[in-house]
């Protein structure tokens, strides 16, 4: 939806995602980087394809690829719904660091309008808690050294119920300066994953980003309406402000008249005939 729509308006657009599968259209760029993740140094490769005006970049590391549904009977975020993989904080720390490197190290020339690295004059859109470390790493690893000084981060909340709450002692895994602790510090009334003081990735993403947005004007109102709808983050969102943008649908990607996964094709004129058949 959003990336090709932005590209159609003349922007140079890159998406950065984990390489969860061996995507047939994505090729190894041969660019290899080393990242400090927890107490180890991990080697990461970048894969790339160019579709509908968008550079699609995939971060290749065993922490992602080994958890593919078809390979391990596991899911992307955990072995079952509501349960995190034990290394999720390390996995998404790696993703955030790789996303910050990609615009600087990848020499991409698929577009007829743009070529070379993206450079430092960029806007990062970080989606949900999994990418909430990005604005923190941007400040601590780059802007503190005079790099990415004009870069901005927009943090987008799709589902506030999933916030990335972990034991407070896990802050040390993130390799961030202590000055960020207050942005992560969180106390709730639950005993999961531990009782008492925690870190909250989404809280940090909200507080450390330049702007906060969500997927509709109505959801934006809900998130600041109180503790229930804001899932204990409403006070922080009221502090930063939030913009709701209507979550549009990509009519090329999601077209029931041509969708290969839909056994009965339909359009606006035949939808009422198709619905009962698809429910059989």
C-alpha atoms as a PDB file:
ATOM      1  CA  UNK A   1       0.000   0.000   0.000  1.00  0.00           C
ATOM      2  CA  UNK A   2       2.059   2.928   1.304  1.00  0.00           C
ATOM      3  CA  UNK A   3       5.506   2.234  -0.274  1.00  0.00           C
ATOM      4  CA  UNK A   4       4.342   1.983  -3.929  1.00  0.00           C
ATOM      5  CA  UNK A   5       1.935   4.880  -3.365  1.00  0.00           C
ATOM      6  CA  UNK A   6       4.824   7.050  -2.149  1.00  0.00           C
ATOM      7  CA  UNK A   7       7.022   5.886  -5.029  1.00  0.00           C
ATOM      8  CA  UNK A   8       4.282   6.832  -7.499  1.00  0.00           C
ATOM      9  CA  UNK A   9       4.465  10.382  -6.146  1.00  0.00           C
ATOM     10  CA  UNK A  10       8.150  10.604  -7.020  1.00  0.00           C
ATOM     11  CA  UNK A  11       9.780   9.634  -3.729  1.00  0.00           C
ATOM     12  CA  UNK A  12      12.657   7.202  -3.527  1.00  0.00           C
ATOM     13  CA  UNK A  13      11.353   4.421  -1.285  1.00  0.00           C
ATOM     14  CA  UNK A  14      13.003   1.466   0.425  1.00  0.00           C
ATOM     15  CA  UNK A  15      11.427  -1.135   2.688  1.00  0.00           C
ATOM     16  CA  UNK A  16      13.583  -3.187   5.057  1.00  0.00           C
ATOM     17  CA  UNK A  17      12.238  -6.505   6.329  1.00  0.00           C
ATOM     18  CA  UNK A  18      13.626  -9.721   7.810  1.00  0.00           C
ATOM     19  CA  UNK A  19      14.392 -12.416   5.263  1.00  0.00           C
ATOM     20  CA  UNK A  20      12.006 -14.980   6.699  1.00  0.00           C
ATOM     21  CA  UNK A  21      12.010 -17.067   3.535  1.00  0.00           C
ATOM     22  CA  UNK A  22      14.064 -17.619   0.411  1.00  0.00           C
ATOM     23  CA  UNK A  23      12.096 -15.119  -1.647  1.00  0.00           C
ATOM     24  CA  UNK A  24      12.557 -16.073  -5.288  1.00  0.00           C
ATOM     25  CA  UNK A  25      12.756 -12.493  -6.581  1.00  0.00           C
ATOM     26  CA  UNK A  26      15.301 -11.262  -4.023  1.00  0.00           C
ATOM     27  CA  UNK A  27      18.982 -11.570  -4.867  1.00  0.00           C
ATOM     28  CA  UNK A  28      22.067 -11.369  -2.681  1.00  0.00           C
ATOM     29  CA  UNK A  29      23.609  -7.889  -2.913  1.00  0.00           C
ATOM     30  CA  UNK A  30      26.946  -9.294  -1.642  1.00  0.00           C
ATOM     31  CA  UNK A  31      26.951  -6.510   0.958  1.00  0.00           C
ATOM     32  CA  UNK A  32      27.944  -7.925   4.344  1.00  0.00           C
ATOM     33  CA  UNK A  33      28.023  -5.989   7.618  1.00  0.00           C
ATOM     34  CA  UNK A  34      28.799  -6.828  11.228  1.00  0.00           C
ATOM     35  CA  UNK A  35      26.491  -5.692  14.020  1.00  0.00           C
ATOM     36  CA  UNK A  36      26.815  -5.790  17.803  1.00  0.00           C
ATOM     37  CA  UNK A  37      23.775  -7.692  19.055  1.00  0.00           C
ATOM     38  CA  UNK A  38      23.671  -8.444  22.760  1.00  0.00           C
ATOM     39  CA  UNK A  39      27.178  -9.566  23.693  1.00  0.00           C
ATOM     40  CA  UNK A  40      28.022 -10.960  20.244  1.00  0.00           C
ATOM     41  CA  UNK A  41      28.963  -9.629  16.825  1.00  0.00           C
ATOM     42  CA  UNK A  42      26.621 -10.937  14.130  1.00  0.00           C
ATOM     43  CA  UNK A  43      27.239 -11.048  10.383  1.00  0.00           C
ATOM     44  CA  UNK A  44      24.340  -9.853   8.239  1.00  0.00           C
ATOM     45  CA  UNK A  45      23.761  -9.918   4.477  1.00  0.00           C
ATOM     46  CA  UNK A  46      21.301  -7.865   2.458  1.00  0.00           C
ATOM     47  CA  UNK A  47      19.061  -9.266  -0.283  1.00  0.00           C
ATOM     48  CA  UNK A  48      17.215  -6.984  -2.713  1.00  0.00           C
ATOM     49  CA  UNK A  49      14.508  -6.840  -5.341  1.00  0.00           C
ATOM     50  CA  UNK A  50      12.832  -3.914  -7.081  1.00  0.00           C
ATOM     51  CA  UNK A  51       9.052  -3.944  -7.439  1.00  0.00           C
ATOM     52  CA  UNK A  52       6.630  -1.207  -8.449  1.00  0.00           C
ATOM     53  CA  UNK A  53       9.171   1.530  -7.887  1.00  0.00           C
ATOM     54  CA  UNK A  54      10.225   0.301  -4.426  1.00  0.00           C
ATOM     55  CA  UNK A  55      13.573  -1.105  -3.304  1.00  0.00           C
ATOM     56  CA  UNK A  56      12.620  -4.157  -1.255  1.00  0.00           C
ATOM     57  CA  UNK A  57      15.521  -5.013   1.063  1.00  0.00           C
ATOM     58  CA  UNK A  58      15.644  -8.187   3.159  1.00  0.00           C
ATOM     59  CA  UNK A  59      17.941  -8.657   6.155  1.00  0.00           C
ATOM     60  CA  UNK A  60      19.474 -12.119   6.024  1.00  0.00           C
ATOM     61  CA  UNK A  61      20.438 -13.850   9.270  1.00  0.00           C
ATOM     62  CA  UNK A  62      19.703 -17.306  10.745  1.00  0.00           C
ATOM     63  CA  UNK A  63      17.660 -15.721  13.552  1.00  0.00           C
ATOM     64  CA  UNK A  64      15.056 -14.907  10.897  1.00  0.00           C
ATOM     65  CA  UNK A  65      15.383 -17.598   8.243  1.00  0.00           C
ATOM     66  CA  UNK A  66      15.490 -20.522  10.687  1.00  0.00           C
ATOM     67  CA  UNK A  67      12.069 -19.573  12.056  1.00  0.00           C
ATOM     68  CA  UNK A  68      10.177 -19.781   8.771  1.00  0.00           C
ATOM     69  CA  UNK A  69       6.809 -21.513   9.111  1.00  0.00           C
ATOM     70  CA  UNK A  70       7.510 -24.055   6.389  1.00  0.00           C
ATOM     71  CA  UNK A  71      10.922 -24.998   7.763  1.00  0.00           C
ATOM     72  CA  UNK A  72      10.315 -25.320  11.493  1.00  0.00           C
ATOM     73  CA  UNK A  73       6.523 -25.356  11.912  1.00  0.00           C
ATOM     74  CA  UNK A  74       7.002 -22.146  13.879  1.00  0.00           C
ATOM     75  CA  UNK A  75       5.596 -18.658  13.501  1.00  0.00           C
ATOM     76  CA  UNK A  76       7.327 -15.355  12.875  1.00  0.00           C
ATOM     77  CA  UNK A  77       7.183 -13.884  16.391  1.00  0.00           C
ATOM     78  CA  UNK A  78       6.901 -16.962  18.577  1.00  0.00           C
ATOM     79  CA  UNK A  79       6.257 -20.710  18.701  1.00  0.00           C
ATOM     80  CA  UNK A  80       2.570 -20.017  19.364  1.00  0.00           C
ATOM     81  CA  UNK A  81       0.253 -17.045  19.714  1.00  0.00           C
ATOM     82  CA  UNK A  82       1.052 -14.851  22.708  1.00  0.00           C
ATOM     83  CA  UNK A  83       4.496 -16.381  23.312  1.00  0.00           C
ATOM     84  CA  UNK A  84       7.719 -14.665  22.227  1.00  0.00           C
ATOM     85  CA  UNK A  85      10.797 -16.424  20.977  1.00  0.00           C
ATOM     86  CA  UNK A  86      13.444 -16.073  23.669  1.00  0.00           C
ATOM     87  CA  UNK A  87      15.729 -14.212  21.270  1.00  0.00           C
ATOM     88  CA  UNK A  88      13.117 -11.741  19.981  1.00  0.00           C
ATOM     89  CA  UNK A  89      14.879  -8.745  21.506  1.00  0.00           C
ATOM     90  CA  UNK A  90      18.112  -9.740  19.788  1.00  0.00           C
ATOM     91  CA  UNK A  91      16.355 -10.449  16.488  1.00  0.00           C
ATOM     92  CA  UNK A  92      14.682  -7.069  16.321  1.00  0.00           C
ATOM     93  CA  UNK A  93      17.708  -5.222  17.655  1.00  0.00           C
ATOM     94  CA  UNK A  94      19.541  -6.655  14.659  1.00  0.00           C
ATOM     95  CA  UNK A  95      16.728  -5.618  12.299  1.00  0.00           C
ATOM     96  CA  UNK A  96      16.731  -2.016  13.557  1.00  0.00           C
ATOM     97  CA  UNK A  97      20.495  -1.692  13.231  1.00  0.00           C
ATOM     98  CA  UNK A  98      20.452  -3.184   9.735  1.00  0.00           C
ATOM     99  CA  UNK A  99      17.665  -0.811   8.674  1.00  0.00           C
ATOM    100  CA  UNK A 100      19.801   2.147   9.715  1.00  0.00           C
ATOM    101  CA  UNK A 101      22.769   0.862   7.724  1.00  0.00           C
ATOM    102  CA  UNK A 102      20.898  -0.034   4.534  1.00  0.00           C
ATOM    103  CA  UNK A 103      20.480   3.516   3.125  1.00  0.00           C
ATOM    104  CA  UNK A 104      24.208   4.157   3.574  1.00  0.00           C
ATOM    105  CA  UNK A 105      25.799   0.889   2.402  1.00  0.00           C
ATOM    106  CA  UNK A 106      23.560  -0.402  -0.400  1.00  0.00           C
ATOM    107  CA  UNK A 107      24.429   0.849  -3.879  1.00  0.00           C
ATOM    108  CA  UNK A 108      21.062   0.327  -5.599  1.00  0.00           C
ATOM    109  CA  UNK A 109      20.541   1.173  -9.265  1.00  0.00           C
ATOM    110  CA  UNK A 110      17.273  -0.495 -10.295  1.00  0.00           C
ATOM    111  CA  UNK A 111      15.329   2.743 -10.696  1.00  0.00           C
ATOM    112  CA  UNK A 112      15.643   4.859 -13.835  1.00  0.00           C
ATOM    113  CA  UNK A 113      15.197   7.972 -11.681  1.00  0.00           C
ATOM    114  CA  UNK A 114      17.582   7.264  -8.776  1.00  0.00           C
ATOM    115  CA  UNK A 115      20.907   5.495  -8.323  1.00  0.00           C
ATOM    116  CA  UNK A 116      23.546   4.843  -5.700  1.00  0.00           C
ATOM    117  CA  UNK A 117      23.108   4.790  -1.925  1.00  0.00           C
ATOM    118  CA  UNK A 118      20.151   6.644  -0.434  1.00  0.00           C
ATOM    119  CA  UNK A 119      22.467   8.654   1.777  1.00  0.00           C
ATOM    120  CA  UNK A 120      21.584  10.351   5.044  1.00  0.00           C
ATOM    121  CA  UNK A 121      18.759  12.737   4.142  1.00  0.00           C
ATOM    122  CA  UNK A 122      16.007  10.207   4.820  1.00  0.00           C
ATOM    123  CA  UNK A 123      12.826   9.638   6.812  1.00  0.00           C
ATOM    124  CA  UNK A 124      12.476   6.284   8.562  1.00  0.00           C
ATOM    125  CA  UNK A 125       8.988   4.902   9.177  1.00  0.00           C
ATOM    126  CA  UNK A 126       9.221   2.426  12.055  1.00  0.00           C
ATOM    127  CA  UNK A 127       6.281   0.048  12.438  1.00  0.00           C
ATOM    128  CA  UNK A 128       5.169  -1.253  15.848  1.00  0.00           C
ATOM    129  CA  UNK A 129       7.313  -2.415  18.755  1.00  0.00           C
ATOM    130  CA  UNK A 130       9.638  -4.582  16.661  1.00  0.00           C
ATOM    131  CA  UNK A 131      11.253  -1.460  15.172  1.00  0.00           C
ATOM    132  CA  UNK A 132      11.024   0.784  18.237  1.00  0.00           C
ATOM    133  CA  UNK A 133      14.789   0.662  18.822  1.00  0.00           C
ATOM    134  CA  UNK A 134      15.446   2.426  15.524  1.00  0.00           C
ATOM    135  CA  UNK A 135      15.061   6.020  16.801  1.00  0.00           C
ATOM    136  CA  UNK A 136      17.182   5.129  19.849  1.00  0.00           C
ATOM    137  CA  UNK A 137      19.997   3.680  17.743  1.00  0.00           C
ATOM    138  CA  UNK A 138      19.727   6.595  15.323  1.00  0.00           C
ATOM    139  CA  UNK A 139      20.477   8.999  18.168  1.00  0.00           C
ATOM    140  CA  UNK A 140      23.047   6.918  20.055  1.00  0.00           C
ATOM    141  CA  UNK A 141      25.023   5.366  17.172  1.00  0.00           C
ATOM    142  CA  UNK A 142      24.774   7.972  14.429  1.00  0.00           C
ATOM    143  CA  UNK A 143      23.584  11.444  15.379  1.00  0.00           C
ATOM    144  CA  UNK A 144      25.934  11.452  18.372  1.00  0.00           C
ATOM    145  CA  UNK A 145      28.747  11.154  15.782  1.00  0.00           C
ATOM    146  CA  UNK A 146      27.381  13.754  13.366  1.00  0.00           C
ATOM    147  CA  UNK A 147      25.787  11.207  10.992  1.00  0.00           C
ATOM    148  CA  UNK A 148      22.151  11.258   9.813  1.00  0.00           C
ATOM    149  CA  UNK A 149      21.753  14.717  11.323  1.00  0.00           C
ATOM    150  CA  UNK A 150      18.797  15.590   9.078  1.00  0.00           C
ATOM    151  CA  UNK A 151      17.146  12.155   9.328  1.00  0.00           C
ATOM    152  CA  UNK A 152      13.765  11.849  11.038  1.00  0.00           C
ATOM    153  CA  UNK A 153      11.740   8.933  12.419  1.00  0.00           C
ATOM    154  CA  UNK A 154       7.984   8.460  12.246  1.00  0.00           C
ATOM    155  CA  UNK A 155       6.717   5.737  14.573  1.00  0.00           C
ATOM    156  CA  UNK A 156       3.559   4.012  13.324  1.00  0.00           C
ATOM    157  CA  UNK A 157       1.282   2.099  15.701  1.00  0.00           C
ATOM    158  CA  UNK A 158      -0.730  -0.640  14.016  1.00  0.00           C
ATOM    159  CA  UNK A 159      -1.779  -2.576  17.129  1.00  0.00           C
ATOM    160  CA  UNK A 160      -1.055  -1.077  20.532  1.00  0.00           C
ATOM    161  CA  UNK A 161      -1.876  -4.323  22.320  1.00  0.00           C
ATOM    162  CA  UNK A 162       1.561  -5.673  21.373  1.00  0.00           C
ATOM    163  CA  UNK A 163       4.180  -3.445  22.979  1.00  0.00           C
ATOM    164  CA  UNK A 164       7.332  -5.481  23.553  1.00  0.00           C
ATOM    165  CA  UNK A 165       7.316  -5.640  27.355  1.00  0.00           C
ATOM    166  CA  UNK A 166      10.327  -7.445  28.824  1.00  0.00           C
ATOM    167  CA  UNK A 167      12.223  -7.709  32.105  1.00  0.00           C
ATOM    168  CA  UNK A 168      13.953  -4.462  33.082  1.00  0.00           C
ATOM    169  CA  UNK A 169      17.255  -6.325  33.394  1.00  0.00           C
ATOM    170  CA  UNK A 170      17.055  -7.005  29.648  1.00  0.00           C
ATOM    171  CA  UNK A 171      17.839  -3.358  28.902  1.00  0.00           C
ATOM    172  CA  UNK A 172      21.519  -4.354  28.908  1.00  0.00           C
ATOM    173  CA  UNK A 173      20.893  -6.576  25.850  1.00  0.00           C
ATOM    174  CA  UNK A 174      20.060  -3.523  23.747  1.00  0.00           C
ATOM    175  CA  UNK A 175      23.497  -1.863  23.969  1.00  0.00           C
ATOM    176  CA  UNK A 176      22.027   1.576  24.556  1.00  0.00           C
ATOM    177  CA  UNK A 177      23.370   4.330  26.838  1.00  0.00           C
ATOM    178  CA  UNK A 178      21.754   4.593  30.262  1.00  0.00           C
ATOM    179  CA  UNK A 179      20.132   7.894  29.312  1.00  0.00           C
ATOM    180  CA  UNK A 180      17.531   5.902  27.354  1.00  0.00           C
ATOM    181  CA  UNK A 181      16.417   3.883  30.391  1.00  0.00           C
ATOM    182  CA  UNK A 182      13.702   6.354  31.341  1.00  0.00           C
ATOM    183  CA  UNK A 183      12.093   6.016  27.902  1.00  0.00           C
ATOM    184  CA  UNK A 184      11.861   2.233  28.345  1.00  0.00           C
ATOM    185  CA  UNK A 185      11.029   2.159  32.070  1.00  0.00           C
ATOM    186  CA  UNK A 186       7.551   0.743  32.651  1.00  0.00           C
ATOM    187  CA  UNK A 187       5.528  -0.718  35.507  1.00  0.00           C
ATOM    188  CA  UNK A 188       2.238  -2.523  35.008  1.00  0.00           C
ATOM    189  CA  UNK A 189       0.021  -4.788  37.068  1.00  0.00           C
ATOM    190  CA  UNK A 190       0.869  -8.006  35.267  1.00  0.00           C
ATOM    191  CA  UNK A 191       3.244 -10.834  36.125  1.00  0.00           C
ATOM    192  CA  UNK A 192       4.242 -11.535  32.518  1.00  0.00           C
ATOM    193  CA  UNK A 193       6.945 -11.743  31.338  1.00  0.00           C
ATOM    194  CA  UNK A 194       8.093 -10.913  34.870  1.00  0.00           C
ATOM    195  CA  UNK A 195       6.542  -9.301  37.908  1.00  0.00           C
ATOM    196  CA  UNK A 196       7.259  -5.653  38.567  1.00  0.00           C
ATOM    197  CA  UNK A 197       9.482  -3.248  36.659  1.00  0.00           C
ATOM    198  CA  UNK A 198       9.857  -3.807  32.924  1.00  0.00           C
ATOM    199  CA  UNK A 199      11.118  -2.241  29.742  1.00  0.00           C
ATOM    200  CA  UNK A 200       8.550  -1.311  27.111  1.00  0.00           C
ATOM    201  CA  UNK A 201       9.850  -1.045  23.553  1.00  0.00           C
ATOM    202  CA  UNK A 202       6.773   0.694  22.183  1.00  0.00           C
ATOM    203  CA  UNK A 203       6.890   3.339  24.891  1.00  0.00           C
ATOM    204  CA  UNK A 204      10.474   4.120  23.880  1.00  0.00           C
ATOM    205  CA  UNK A 205       9.534   4.224  20.192  1.00  0.00           C
ATOM    206  CA  UNK A 206       6.772   6.721  20.935  1.00  0.00           C
ATOM    207  CA  UNK A 207       8.952   8.992  23.069  1.00  0.00           C
ATOM    208  CA  UNK A 208      12.133   8.893  20.979  1.00  0.00           C
ATOM    209  CA  UNK A 209      10.606   9.377  17.503  1.00  0.00           C
ATOM    210  CA  UNK A 210       9.959  12.716  15.829  1.00  0.00           C
ATOM    211  CA  UNK A 211       6.314  11.970  15.016  1.00  0.00           C
ATOM    212  CA  UNK A 212       3.788   9.299  15.986  1.00  0.00           C
ATOM    213  CA  UNK A 213       1.062   8.117  13.657  1.00  0.00           C
ATOM    214  CA  UNK A 214      -1.466   5.320  13.385  1.00  0.00           C
ATOM    215  CA  UNK A 215      -3.684   3.658  10.818  1.00  0.00           C
ATOM    216  CA  UNK A 216      -6.847   5.763  11.052  1.00  0.00           C
ATOM    217  CA  UNK A 217      -8.118   9.012  12.591  1.00  0.00           C
ATOM    218  CA  UNK A 218     -10.581   7.018  14.703  1.00  0.00           C
ATOM    219  CA  UNK A 219      -7.871   4.726  16.104  1.00  0.00           C
ATOM    220  CA  UNK A 220      -5.816   7.806  16.961  1.00  0.00           C
ATOM    221  CA  UNK A 221      -8.743   9.068  19.049  1.00  0.00           C
ATOM    222  CA  UNK A 222      -9.113   5.678  20.722  1.00  0.00           C
ATOM    223  CA  UNK A 223      -5.455   5.530  21.742  1.00  0.00           C
ATOM    224  CA  UNK A 224      -5.670   8.754  23.742  1.00  0.00           C
ATOM    225  CA  UNK A 225      -9.168   8.143  25.126  1.00  0.00           C
ATOM    226  CA  UNK A 226      -7.969   6.363  28.258  1.00  0.00           C
ATOM    227  CA  UNK A 227      -5.933   3.561  29.778  1.00  0.00           C
ATOM    228  CA  UNK A 228      -8.182   0.823  28.395  1.00  0.00           C
ATOM    229  CA  UNK A 229      -7.996   1.710  24.687  1.00  0.00           C
ATOM    230  CA  UNK A 230      -4.481   3.107  24.995  1.00  0.00           C
ATOM    231  CA  UNK A 231      -3.318  -0.036  26.826  1.00  0.00           C
ATOM    232  CA  UNK A 232      -1.466   2.009  29.473  1.00  0.00           C
ATOM    233  CA  UNK A 233       0.393   4.135  26.914  1.00  0.00           C
ATOM    234  CA  UNK A 234      -2.306   6.781  26.477  1.00  0.00           C
ATOM    235  CA  UNK A 235      -0.523   9.323  28.699  1.00  0.00           C
ATOM    236  CA  UNK A 236       2.657   9.119  26.627  1.00  0.00           C
ATOM    237  CA  UNK A 237       0.764   9.409  23.339  1.00  0.00           C
ATOM    238  CA  UNK A 238      -1.075  12.481  24.610  1.00  0.00           C
ATOM    239  CA  UNK A 239       2.338  13.937  25.444  1.00  0.00           C
ATOM    240  CA  UNK A 240       3.785  13.399  21.959  1.00  0.00           C
ATOM    241  CA  UNK A 241       0.587  13.770  19.956  1.00  0.00           C
ATOM    242  CA  UNK A 242      -0.543  11.341  17.276  1.00  0.00           C
ATOM    243  CA  UNK A 243      -1.801  11.598  13.698  1.00  0.00           C
ATOM    244  CA  UNK A 244      -4.262   9.108  12.250  1.00  0.00           C
ATOM    245  CA  UNK A 245      -3.926   8.397   8.525  1.00  0.00           C
ATOM    246  CA  UNK A 246      -6.503   6.226   6.771  1.00  0.00           C
ATOM    247  CA  UNK A 247      -5.064   2.765   6.168  1.00  0.00           C
ATOM    248  CA  UNK A 248      -5.458   2.416   2.415  1.00  0.00           C
ATOM    249  CA  UNK A 249      -5.601  -0.845   0.474  1.00  0.00           C
ATOM    250  CA  UNK A 250      -3.351  -1.695  -2.436  1.00  0.00           C
ATOM    251  CA  UNK A 251      -5.913  -2.528  -5.120  1.00  0.00           C
ATOM    252  CA  UNK A 252      -3.306  -4.220  -7.314  1.00  0.00           C
ATOM    253  CA  UNK A 253      -2.007  -6.512  -4.580  1.00  0.00           C
ATOM    254  CA  UNK A 254      -5.453  -7.184  -3.099  1.00  0.00           C
ATOM    255  CA  UNK A 255      -7.727  -7.459  -6.118  1.00  0.00           C
ATOM    256  CA  UNK A 256     -10.442 -10.146  -5.774  1.00  0.00           C
ATOM    257  CA  UNK A 257     -10.954 -10.116  -9.535  1.00  0.00           C
ATOM    258  CA  UNK A 258      -7.416 -11.411 -10.125  1.00  0.00           C
ATOM    259  CA  UNK A 259      -6.314 -12.887  -6.768  1.00  0.00           C
ATOM    260  CA  UNK A 260      -4.777 -16.313  -7.426  1.00  0.00           C
ATOM    261  CA  UNK A 261      -5.666 -17.430  -3.893  1.00  0.00           C
ATOM    262  CA  UNK A 262      -9.399 -16.765  -4.358  1.00  0.00           C
ATOM    263  CA  UNK A 263     -11.236 -19.674  -5.962  1.00  0.00           C
ATOM    264  CA  UNK A 264     -14.206 -17.499  -6.978  1.00  0.00           C
ATOM    265  CA  UNK A 265     -13.205 -14.221  -8.581  1.00  0.00           C
ATOM    266  CA  UNK A 266     -15.452 -11.185  -8.120  1.00  0.00           C
ATOM    267  CA  UNK A 267     -15.690  -7.423  -8.462  1.00  0.00           C
ATOM    268  CA  UNK A 268     -18.066  -4.736  -7.201  1.00  0.00           C
ATOM    269  CA  UNK A 269     -20.850  -5.954  -9.487  1.00  0.00           C
ATOM    270  CA  UNK A 270     -20.627  -9.652  -8.550  1.00  0.00           C
ATOM    271  CA  UNK A 271     -19.556  -9.566  -4.899  1.00  0.00           C
ATOM    272  CA  UNK A 272     -22.989 -10.544  -3.555  1.00  0.00           C
ATOM    273  CA  UNK A 273     -23.069 -13.617  -5.792  1.00  0.00           C
ATOM    274  CA  UNK A 274     -19.523 -14.631  -4.850  1.00  0.00           C
ATOM    275  CA  UNK A 275     -19.778 -14.251  -1.062  1.00  0.00           C
ATOM    276  CA  UNK A 276     -21.991 -17.312  -0.390  1.00  0.00           C
ATOM    277  CA  UNK A 277     -19.839 -19.443  -2.700  1.00  0.00           C
ATOM    278  CA  UNK A 278     -16.639 -18.434  -0.923  1.00  0.00           C
ATOM    279  CA  UNK A 279     -18.182 -19.280   2.460  1.00  0.00           C
ATOM    280  CA  UNK A 280     -19.003 -22.857   1.452  1.00  0.00           C
END
